Protein backbone atom coordinates (compact mmCIF):
# COMPACT_ATOMS: atom_id res chain seq x y z
CA UNK A 1 0.02 0.07 0.18
CA UNK A 2 2.48 2.11 0.81
CA UNK A 3 4.42 1.68 -2.15
CA UNK A 4 1.45 2.42 -4.25
CA UNK A 5 0.93 5.59 -2.75
CA UNK A 6 4.24 6.73 -3.29
CA UNK A 7 4.03 5.41 -6.84
CA UNK A 8 1.24 7.68 -7.37
CA UNK A 9 2.68 10.53 -5.62
CA UNK A 10 5.41 9.90 -7.81
CA UNK A 11 3.44 10.33 -10.87
CA UNK A 12 1.54 13.30 -9.81
CA UNK A 13 4.79 15.32 -9.35
CA UNK A 14 5.73 14.28 -12.92
CA UNK A 15 2.57 15.77 -14.25
CA UNK A 16 3.12 19.10 -12.61
CA UNK A 17 7.51 19.01 -13.50
CA UNK A 18 5.80 18.21 -17.37
CA UNK A 19 3.33 21.26 -16.92
CA UNK A 20 6.22 23.69 -15.59
CA UNK A 21 9.16 22.47 -17.71
CA UNK A 22 6.92 22.75 -20.92
CA UNK A 23 5.71 26.17 -20.30
CA UNK A 24 9.85 26.78 -19.52
CA UNK A 25 10.58 25.43 -22.87
CA UNK A 26 7.82 27.87 -24.54
CA UNK A 27 8.50 30.50 -22.07
CA UNK A 28 10.60 33.57 -22.23
CA UNK A 29 13.30 34.57 -24.33
CA UNK A 30 15.02 36.71 -21.99
CA UNK A 31 16.84 39.89 -22.73
CA UNK A 32 20.89 39.62 -21.73
CA UNK A 33 21.39 43.39 -20.59
CA UNK A 34 24.75 45.05 -19.39
CA UNK A 35 24.45 46.13 -15.81
CA UNK A 36 26.07 49.33 -14.98
CA UNK A 37 29.35 49.21 -13.42
CA UNK A 38 29.66 50.45 -9.75
CA UNK A 39 31.38 54.10 -9.13
CA UNK A 40 34.27 54.66 -8.17
CA UNK A 41 35.01 56.02 -4.57
CA UNK A 42 38.50 57.10 -3.71
CA UNK A 43 37.87 58.89 -0.39
CA UNK A 44 37.19 57.61 2.51
CA UNK A 45 33.75 58.19 3.59
CA UNK A 46 32.02 59.02 7.05
CA UNK A 47 28.71 58.37 7.94
CA UNK A 48 27.92 60.97 10.78
CA UNK A 49 25.96 61.35 13.04
CA UNK A 50 23.43 58.26 12.69
CA UNK A 51 21.82 56.02 15.00
CA UNK A 52 23.34 52.84 14.34
CA UNK A 53 21.56 49.37 14.93
CA UNK A 54 24.66 47.25 14.57
CA UNK A 55 22.87 43.85 14.82
CA UNK A 56 25.58 42.34 17.19
CA UNK A 57 23.26 42.05 19.94
CA UNK A 58 19.48 41.99 20.50
CA UNK A 59 17.38 45.75 20.22
CA UNK A 60 21.13 47.25 20.44
CA UNK A 61 21.60 51.38 19.22
CA UNK A 62 24.57 53.57 19.44
CA UNK A 63 23.65 57.24 18.98
CA UNK A 64 25.51 60.30 17.34
CA UNK A 65 27.56 57.23 16.00
CA UNK A 66 30.06 57.83 12.99
CA UNK A 67 30.76 54.89 10.50
CA UNK A 68 34.04 55.23 8.58
CA UNK A 69 34.55 52.93 5.40
CA UNK A 70 37.40 52.78 3.64
CA UNK A 71 37.34 50.75 0.04
CA UNK A 72 35.17 48.22 0.44
CA UNK A 73 35.34 47.84 4.41
CA UNK A 74 34.02 49.18 7.24
CA UNK A 75 36.94 50.53 9.70
CA UNK A 76 35.30 51.89 12.30
CA UNK A 77 31.87 52.27 14.25
CA UNK A 78 31.33 54.44 17.13
CA UNK A 79 31.25 58.25 18.88
CA UNK A 80 35.11 58.93 18.75
CA UNK A 81 34.77 61.32 15.89
CA UNK A 82 38.32 62.25 16.19
CA UNK A 83 39.15 59.21 14.15
CA UNK A 84 37.50 60.39 11.29
CA UNK A 85 40.48 61.57 8.37
CA UNK A 86 40.80 64.75 7.57
CA UNK A 87 40.62 64.03 3.91
CA UNK A 88 36.82 61.71 4.50
CA UNK A 89 34.03 62.78 2.72
CA UNK A 90 31.16 63.61 5.57
CA UNK A 91 28.00 62.39 4.90
CA UNK A 92 25.61 63.74 7.31
CA UNK A 93 23.19 60.94 8.63
CA UNK A 94 21.57 63.31 11.39
CA UNK A 95 17.85 62.02 11.97
CA UNK A 96 18.95 58.39 10.10
CA UNK A 97 19.41 55.19 11.33
CA UNK A 98 22.06 52.68 9.99
CA UNK A 99 21.54 48.51 9.55
CA UNK A 100 23.24 46.30 7.50
CA UNK A 101 22.66 45.93 3.92
CA UNK A 102 20.02 43.04 3.83
CA UNK A 103 20.25 39.62 2.33
CA UNK A 104 17.57 37.14 0.52
CA UNK A 105 18.70 33.88 1.16
CA UNK A 106 17.06 32.02 -1.25
CA UNK A 107 16.58 33.77 -5.04
CA UNK A 108 16.93 32.50 -8.56
CA UNK A 109 18.55 34.51 -10.78
CA UNK A 110 16.80 33.47 -14.29
CA UNK A 111 14.42 35.36 -16.70
CA UNK A 112 14.91 39.24 -15.50
CA UNK A 113 18.28 40.92 -16.03
CA UNK A 114 17.16 43.76 -13.74
CA UNK A 115 16.57 41.46 -10.74
CA UNK A 116 20.55 42.66 -9.28
CA UNK A 117 19.02 46.68 -9.64
CA UNK A 118 15.89 45.47 -8.00
CA UNK A 119 17.60 43.70 -5.09
CA UNK A 120 19.67 46.97 -4.44
CA UNK A 121 17.40 49.39 -4.74
CA UNK A 122 15.28 47.49 -2.67
CA UNK A 123 18.29 47.21 0.25
CA UNK A 124 19.18 43.69 -0.63
CA UNK A 125 22.95 43.83 -0.69
CA UNK A 126 23.73 39.94 -0.31
CA UNK A 127 22.01 37.33 -2.20
CA UNK A 128 22.34 33.37 -2.26
CA UNK A 129 21.56 31.84 -5.65
CA UNK A 130 20.16 28.32 -5.12
CA UNK A 131 20.78 27.22 -8.12
CA UNK A 132 23.13 27.23 -11.07
CA UNK A 133 23.00 26.64 -14.43
CA UNK A 134 24.71 23.47 -16.15
CA UNK A 135 27.23 23.92 -19.03
CA UNK A 136 23.92 22.98 -21.05
CA UNK A 137 22.22 26.07 -19.97
CA UNK A 138 25.00 28.65 -20.27
CA UNK A 139 23.52 29.45 -23.89
CA UNK A 140 19.86 29.01 -23.29
CA UNK A 141 18.34 31.60 -24.76
CA UNK A 142 15.20 31.90 -22.04
CA UNK A 143 17.92 33.11 -19.26
CA UNK A 144 19.07 36.40 -18.30
CA UNK A 145 22.64 35.45 -17.22
CA UNK A 146 24.88 32.89 -19.13
CA UNK A 147 26.90 31.56 -16.17
CA UNK A 148 26.59 32.25 -12.49
CA UNK A 149 29.84 31.60 -11.42
CA UNK A 150 31.80 33.97 -13.58
CA UNK A 151 28.33 36.81 -12.83
CA UNK A 152 29.15 35.77 -9.07
CA UNK A 153 33.18 36.65 -9.58
CA UNK A 154 32.41 39.75 -11.96
CA UNK A 155 30.41 41.23 -8.67
CA UNK A 156 33.44 40.56 -6.22
CA UNK A 157 35.63 42.14 -8.86
CA UNK A 158 33.50 45.04 -8.92
CA UNK A 159 32.83 45.20 -12.97
CA UNK A 160 29.53 45.03 -12.08
CA UNK A 161 26.37 46.63 -9.50
CA UNK A 162 24.66 44.18 -8.08
CA UNK A 163 24.41 42.51 -4.65
CA UNK A 164 27.27 40.49 -3.64
CA UNK A 165 26.36 36.63 -4.76
CA UNK A 166 26.81 33.46 -2.70
CA UNK A 167 26.38 30.70 -5.51
CA UNK A 168 24.93 27.10 -5.32
CA UNK A 169 25.36 24.22 -7.48
CA UNK A 170 23.05 23.33 -10.41
CA UNK A 171 20.35 20.98 -8.71
CA UNK A 172 20.89 17.15 -8.17
CA UNK A 173 17.94 14.80 -8.49
CA UNK A 174 17.12 11.57 -10.24
CA UNK A 175 15.57 13.05 -13.88
CA UNK A 176 15.44 11.77 -17.40
CA UNK A 177 13.49 11.70 -20.65
CA UNK A 178 11.92 14.26 -22.99
CA UNK A 179 11.27 16.81 -19.92
CA UNK A 180 14.64 16.62 -18.24
CA UNK A 181 15.64 20.44 -18.07
CA UNK A 182 19.17 19.75 -18.54
CA UNK A 183 19.75 23.61 -18.32
CA UNK A 184 18.68 23.56 -14.71
CA UNK A 185 19.10 19.91 -13.33
CA UNK A 186 21.57 17.00 -13.05
CA UNK A 187 20.57 13.62 -13.46
CA UNK A 188 22.10 12.30 -10.22
CA UNK A 189 20.90 8.88 -9.15
CA UNK A 190 23.83 6.73 -7.78
CA UNK A 191 26.01 6.46 -4.68
CA UNK A 192 29.14 7.01 -6.92
CA UNK A 193 27.37 9.97 -9.10
CA UNK A 194 26.26 11.81 -5.76
CA UNK A 195 30.16 11.46 -4.39
CA UNK A 196 31.51 12.45 -7.98
CA UNK A 197 29.02 15.78 -7.98
CA UNK A 198 29.84 16.74 -4.97
CA UNK A 199 34.03 16.87 -5.92
CA UNK A 200 32.57 18.18 -9.08
CA UNK A 201 30.96 21.02 -7.45
CA UNK A 202 33.53 21.74 -4.73
CA UNK A 203 36.49 21.48 -7.94
CA UNK A 204 34.22 24.21 -9.71
CA UNK A 205 33.97 26.71 -6.58
CA UNK A 206 30.56 26.63 -6.16
CA UNK A 207 29.65 28.11 -2.20
CA UNK A 208 26.84 25.03 -1.80
CA UNK A 209 25.63 22.19 -2.97
CA UNK A 210 21.71 22.08 -3.97
CA UNK A 211 19.57 18.48 -3.53
CA UNK A 212 16.03 18.13 -4.58
CA UNK A 213 13.04 16.08 -4.20
CA UNK A 214 13.69 13.14 -5.94
CA UNK A 215 17.38 12.64 -5.39
CA UNK A 216 17.39 8.87 -4.22
CA UNK A 217 18.87 8.29 -0.57
CA UNK A 218 21.99 6.23 -1.97
CA UNK A 219 23.04 9.67 -3.66
CA UNK A 220 22.01 11.70 -0.94
CA UNK A 221 24.17 9.87 1.73
CA UNK A 222 27.32 9.91 -0.06
CA UNK A 223 26.90 13.28 -1.06
CA UNK A 224 26.27 14.20 2.47
CA UNK A 225 29.19 12.70 3.29
CA UNK A 226 31.75 13.72 0.61
CA UNK A 227 30.08 17.37 1.50
CA UNK A 228 31.09 17.16 4.90
CA UNK A 229 34.56 16.25 4.49
CA UNK A 230 35.10 19.31 2.09
CA UNK A 231 33.36 21.65 4.07
CA UNK A 232 30.52 22.21 1.38
CA UNK A 233 27.00 22.85 3.04
CA UNK A 234 24.47 20.88 2.05
CA UNK A 235 20.84 22.46 1.42
CA UNK A 236 17.69 22.39 -0.83
CA UNK A 237 15.00 20.34 -0.52
CA UNK A 238 14.22 17.18 1.74
CA UNK A 239 14.43 14.50 -0.66
CA UNK A 240 11.36 11.97 -0.72
CA UNK A 241 13.26 9.14 -0.30
CA UNK A 242 14.66 10.62 3.03
CA UNK A 243 12.46 12.57 4.94
CA UNK A 244 12.39 15.29 7.48
CA UNK A 245 13.18 13.23 10.81
CA UNK A 246 16.11 11.66 9.08
CA UNK A 247 17.65 14.66 8.19
CA UNK A 248 17.29 16.21 11.87
CA UNK A 249 18.63 13.50 13.40
CA UNK A 250 21.45 13.18 11.54
CA UNK A 251 21.98 16.82 10.85
CA UNK A 252 22.02 15.69 7.46
CA UNK A 253 21.52 19.26 5.88
CA UNK A 254 23.01 22.42 6.33
CA UNK A 255 19.62 24.35 5.64
CA UNK A 256 15.46 23.36 4.25
CA UNK A 257 14.32 25.72 1.44
CA UNK A 258 10.54 25.72 1.54
CA UNK A 259 9.72 23.79 4.70
CA UNK A 260 9.94 20.93 2.38
CA UNK A 261 9.54 17.84 4.32
CA UNK A 262 7.83 19.27 7.07
CA UNK A 263 5.01 19.82 4.91
CA UNK A 264 2.92 19.44 1.11
CA UNK A 265 2.50 22.87 -0.22
CA UNK A 266 -0.19 20.90 -2.44
CA UNK A 267 -1.76 19.43 0.42
CA UNK A 268 -1.27 18.21 4.20
CA UNK A 269 1.49 17.94 6.75
CA UNK A 270 4.00 15.24 6.28
CA UNK A 271 4.61 15.02 10.00
CA UNK A 272 1.43 14.80 12.80
CA UNK A 273 0.11 18.40 13.25
CA UNK A 274 0.27 17.82 16.91
CA UNK A 275 3.79 16.78 16.54
CA UNK A 276 4.71 20.18 14.59
CA UNK A 277 6.27 21.52 18.48
CA UNK A 278 8.50 18.44 18.90
CA UNK A 279 9.77 18.49 15.38
CA UNK A 280 10.46 22.10 15.97
CA UNK A 281 12.58 21.33 19.00
CA UNK A 282 14.66 18.67 17.61
CA UNK A 283 15.17 21.52 14.44
CA UNK A 284 16.58 23.93 17.15
CA UNK A 285 18.74 21.06 18.93
CA UNK A 286 20.49 19.80 15.07
CA UNK A 287 21.08 23.49 14.05
CA UNK A 288 19.80 23.30 10.98
CA UNK A 289 18.42 26.20 8.76
CA UNK A 290 15.14 26.88 7.54
CA UNK A 291 14.63 29.24 5.34
CA UNK A 292 10.27 29.30 4.68
CA UNK A 293 10.11 31.27 2.23
CA UNK A 294 6.75 31.98 2.95
CA UNK A 295 6.15 34.98 -0.42
CA UNK A 296 6.21 31.94 -3.04
CA UNK A 297 3.49 30.04 -1.10
CA UNK A 298 1.32 33.31 -0.81
CA UNK A 299 2.04 33.84 -4.32
CA UNK A 300 0.92 30.72 -5.93
CA UNK A 301 -3.20 31.58 -6.48
CA UNK A 302 -5.88 30.88 -8.73
CA UNK A 303 -5.91 32.28 -11.74
CA UNK A 304 -8.35 35.23 -11.15
CA UNK A 305 -6.02 36.67 -8.40
CA UNK A 306 -2.41 35.81 -10.38
CA UNK A 307 -2.43 39.98 -11.51
CA UNK A 308 -2.81 41.05 -8.08
CA UNK A 309 1.12 41.73 -7.75
CA UNK A 310 0.33 44.69 -9.91
CA UNK A 311 -0.59 46.53 -6.81
CA UNK A 312 3.10 46.63 -5.66
CA UNK A 313 5.10 49.18 -8.04
CA UNK A 314 7.97 47.17 -8.11
CA UNK A 315 6.15 45.08 -10.35
CA UNK A 316 6.34 46.91 -13.79
CA UNK A 317 10.19 46.24 -14.10
CA UNK A 318 9.08 42.39 -14.77
CA UNK A 319 8.83 41.98 -18.67
CA UNK A 320 5.59 41.23 -20.32
CA UNK A 321 7.35 37.53 -21.59
CA UNK A 322 8.52 36.61 -17.66
CA UNK A 323 4.95 37.78 -16.49
CA UNK A 324 3.45 35.29 -19.09
CA UNK A 325 5.55 32.69 -17.81
CA UNK A 326 5.14 32.96 -14.08
CA UNK A 327 1.11 33.43 -14.85
CA UNK A 328 1.29 29.59 -17.14
CA UNK A 329 2.80 27.88 -14.48
CA UNK A 330 1.42 29.26 -11.65
CA UNK A 331 -2.35 28.40 -13.63
CA UNK A 332 -0.96 25.12 -14.15
CA UNK A 333 -1.25 23.91 -10.70
CA UNK A 334 -4.90 25.06 -10.17
CA UNK A 335 -5.13 22.17 -13.16
CA UNK A 336 -3.98 19.32 -11.57
CA UNK A 337 -5.84 20.08 -8.21
CA UNK A 338 -9.14 20.37 -10.75
CA UNK A 339 -7.74 17.25 -12.13
CA UNK A 340 -7.92 15.69 -8.87
CA UNK A 341 -3.83 14.53 -9.14
CA UNK A 342 -2.67 12.24 -6.50
CA UNK A 343 -1.26 15.04 -3.55
CA UNK A 344 -2.26 18.13 -5.22
CA UNK A 345 -5.65 19.04 -3.77
CA UNK A 346 -4.79 22.32 -2.72
CA UNK A 347 -2.95 25.38 -3.27
CA UNK A 348 -0.32 26.83 -0.74
CA UNK A 349 -1.98 29.78 -0.99
CA UNK A 350 -5.31 28.66 0.26
CA UNK A 351 -3.87 27.32 3.54
CA UNK A 352 -1.15 29.62 4.47
CA UNK A 353 -2.52 28.95 8.57
CA UNK A 354 -0.54 25.52 7.91
CA UNK A 355 2.79 26.90 6.90
CA UNK A 356 2.35 29.48 9.56
CA UNK A 357 1.76 27.01 12.08
CA UNK A 358 5.20 25.61 11.23
CA UNK A 359 7.05 28.75 11.34
CA UNK A 360 5.73 30.00 14.76
CA UNK A 361 6.57 26.82 16.30
CA UNK A 362 10.11 26.98 14.77
CA UNK A 363 10.64 30.39 16.07
CA UNK A 364 9.01 29.41 19.69
CA UNK A 365 11.64 26.60 19.75
CA UNK A 366 14.79 29.45 18.74
CA UNK A 367 15.34 27.07 15.57
CA UNK A 368 17.70 28.77 13.15
CA UNK A 369 15.81 30.93 10.43
CA UNK A 370 16.91 33.04 7.85
CA UNK A 371 15.03 34.98 5.19
CA UNK A 372 14.53 33.82 1.66
CA UNK A 373 11.74 34.59 -0.67
CA UNK A 374 12.53 32.34 -4.16
CA UNK A 375 12.60 35.20 -6.06
CA UNK A 376 13.05 35.41 -9.77
CA UNK A 377 10.10 32.18 -9.58
CA UNK A 378 6.37 32.45 -10.11
CA UNK A 379 5.19 36.02 -9.11
CA UNK A 380 8.11 36.44 -6.60
CA UNK A 381 9.63 40.30 -7.11
CA UNK A 382 13.34 40.83 -6.44
CA UNK A 383 13.83 43.16 -3.52
CA UNK A 384 10.53 44.15 -2.29
CA UNK A 385 9.34 40.59 -1.37
CA UNK A 386 12.21 40.22 1.25
CA UNK A 387 10.32 43.27 2.80
CA UNK A 388 7.20 41.31 2.58
CA UNK A 389 9.05 38.23 4.09
CA UNK A 390 9.90 39.87 6.86
CA UNK A 391 6.83 41.83 7.80
CA UNK A 392 5.25 38.33 7.96
CA UNK A 393 7.49 37.14 10.52
CA UNK A 394 6.73 39.66 12.77
CA UNK A 395 3.23 38.69 12.51
CA UNK A 396 4.00 35.23 12.81
CA UNK A 397 6.01 36.26 16.35
CA UNK A 398 9.33 37.64 15.76
CA UNK A 399 10.36 40.96 17.16
CA UNK A 400 11.64 43.63 14.73
CA UNK A 401 15.08 42.80 15.52
CA UNK A 402 14.91 39.19 15.38
CA UNK A 403 12.94 40.02 12.21
CA UNK A 404 16.00 42.36 10.85
CA UNK A 405 18.47 39.73 11.97
CA UNK A 406 16.81 36.86 10.04
CA UNK A 407 18.45 38.70 6.82
CA UNK A 408 20.94 39.88 8.27
CA UNK A 409 23.29 38.67 11.19
CA UNK A 410 21.29 35.14 11.41
CA UNK A 411 21.30 35.38 7.47
CA UNK A 412 25.28 35.35 7.20
CA UNK A 413 25.39 32.70 9.84
CA UNK A 414 23.14 30.67 7.50
CA UNK A 415 25.76 31.62 4.12
CA UNK A 416 28.62 30.59 6.91
CA UNK A 417 30.11 34.25 5.86
CA UNK A 418 29.94 36.02 9.31
CA UNK A 419 33.25 37.26 8.49
CA UNK A 420 32.39 39.23 5.56
CA UNK A 421 28.71 40.63 6.14
CA UNK A 422 25.64 40.91 8.59
CA UNK A 423 26.50 43.28 11.09
CA UNK A 424 27.96 46.74 11.37
CA UNK A 425 31.22 46.18 12.81
CA UNK A 426 34.62 47.00 11.59
CA UNK A 427 36.38 44.82 9.21
CA UNK A 428 33.52 43.81 7.25
CA UNK A 429 31.85 44.39 4.03
CA UNK A 430 30.77 48.00 4.06
CA UNK A 431 27.29 47.13 2.98
CA UNK A 432 24.86 49.41 4.95
CA UNK A 433 21.42 50.82 4.32
CA UNK A 434 20.87 54.61 5.76
CA UNK A 435 16.89 54.86 6.86
CA UNK A 436 14.98 57.56 7.43
CA UNK A 437 13.10 55.94 10.37
CA UNK A 438 13.63 53.51 13.02
CA UNK A 439 13.12 49.79 11.79
CA UNK A 440 12.87 48.66 15.68
CA UNK A 441 9.99 50.43 16.41
CA UNK A 442 8.11 49.33 12.72
CA UNK A 443 9.90 46.48 11.00
CA UNK A 444 7.94 48.43 7.65
CA UNK A 445 10.67 51.42 8.02
CA UNK A 446 13.08 49.17 6.48
CA UNK A 447 11.51 50.14 3.34
CA UNK A 448 12.26 53.53 4.15
CA UNK A 449 15.27 53.75 2.74
CA UNK A 450 17.45 56.88 1.94
CA UNK A 451 20.81 55.42 0.48
CA UNK A 452 22.13 52.15 -0.16
CA UNK A 453 25.67 51.44 0.69
CA UNK A 454 27.52 48.60 -1.71
CA UNK A 455 30.68 47.66 -1.05
CA UNK A 456 31.63 51.10 0.16
CA UNK A 457 29.91 53.18 -2.31
CA UNK A 458 26.58 55.22 -1.24
CA UNK A 459 23.58 55.50 -3.78
CA UNK A 460 20.67 57.33 -3.43
CA UNK A 461 17.48 54.94 -3.50
CA UNK A 462 16.32 57.36 -6.21
CA UNK A 463 19.26 56.71 -8.25
CA UNK A 464 19.05 53.00 -8.20
CA UNK A 465 15.42 53.75 -9.62
CA UNK A 466 16.54 55.79 -11.88
CA UNK A 467 19.01 53.01 -13.24
CA UNK A 468 15.83 50.60 -13.61
CA UNK A 469 13.97 53.09 -15.37
CA UNK A 470 16.46 53.43 -18.10
CA UNK A 471 16.83 50.24 -18.61
CA UNK A 472 13.19 48.83 -18.15
CA UNK A 473 12.15 49.65 -21.83
CA UNK A 474 15.19 47.33 -23.30
CA UNK A 475 13.87 44.74 -21.01
CA UNK A 476 10.16 44.74 -22.17
CA UNK A 477 9.47 42.22 -24.37
């Protein structure tokens, strides 16, 4: 009986996959645009008379502070104004609040060349791109980017204006056949293939190893063992053959995406609802990160509500062809539910209370949570979606400081890059937000952006929006 049920589930999953990939193959031909180069700033920058929220401990603030930046780095944070070099450019932040630049822990750089600027205009200065193209995907006309590792490195060399990119490997999964998208997935089935896949990803320089739903347990376990030896975090979906409890008990993954393993987004819980608190506490004990991406589940809606995202003004920077792809993909889920395909009985947006129950339990258990959105997919707009995710966390029980932490200091811990970003401290990358109001009073004040400082270079939000406006016409097809 169990085997039959599992077989029916696989059939349902394959139908979803076929619908999505078919629309993808027929989907947008992306415009590949040359993004602006960063501005050159050759002098020391001193951000003076600010209230700094360093994110080093809950609710700490430093009043009338100065943040001194040289090149890409913060060199001083405090109240000793004598430390400002005479040659420094002083930027008056009277009445302003400074926080670390935000991080989105789950994005996809796919169809929209404007996404990097959209992130920056919304204060997102670090992103974890959760899948890379395979070799077959480099020349795929559907995508606005050709090589994710090259793009990541061009950002680090200050050749392109973009958030700092941390890059996951291609998706590893057991798939073959006509609808297997070789631009996005690598067919990985055996223990030996899992071992080789991790070694290859490590040699190529990926930051994380990405696993997915149908990765067989043999390939998963060999991947995990080898990844631990190499110090390479395993991230992504909890494979169906493994399950959430095995992952937790063995601390087998570094971070879990989308609450996979806890719940079927298109159906019911994968664990008994009365055990959610227990499983959340075990997740906390295991130290496994969750990136809930509630925004993507909220946006998988019935066809008549697909255009509701137009209420967000940032949606104007998504091209018509990109929007068409999103709509077609979302509509496919409603069709599967209408056909009563096994395990597809309800749209995620129609049972958000179930996702909320899990996140509330994780918050209560003090389990590690980083903020991510699945930006780039299915009605999730880069940048603005992260603010919605954080505001949702506060509704579910986080304090404003905890929500900000989920996209700053906690995100840097999730990325395993605490020595690079996440707090306003000397020695870290100078990625900062200068806000016009206090986000500790109201999390929505994170949207009240005056300046975005990217690798030590300040940009007014209006300046970044101007760049988006200039490029939008080229991107509209």
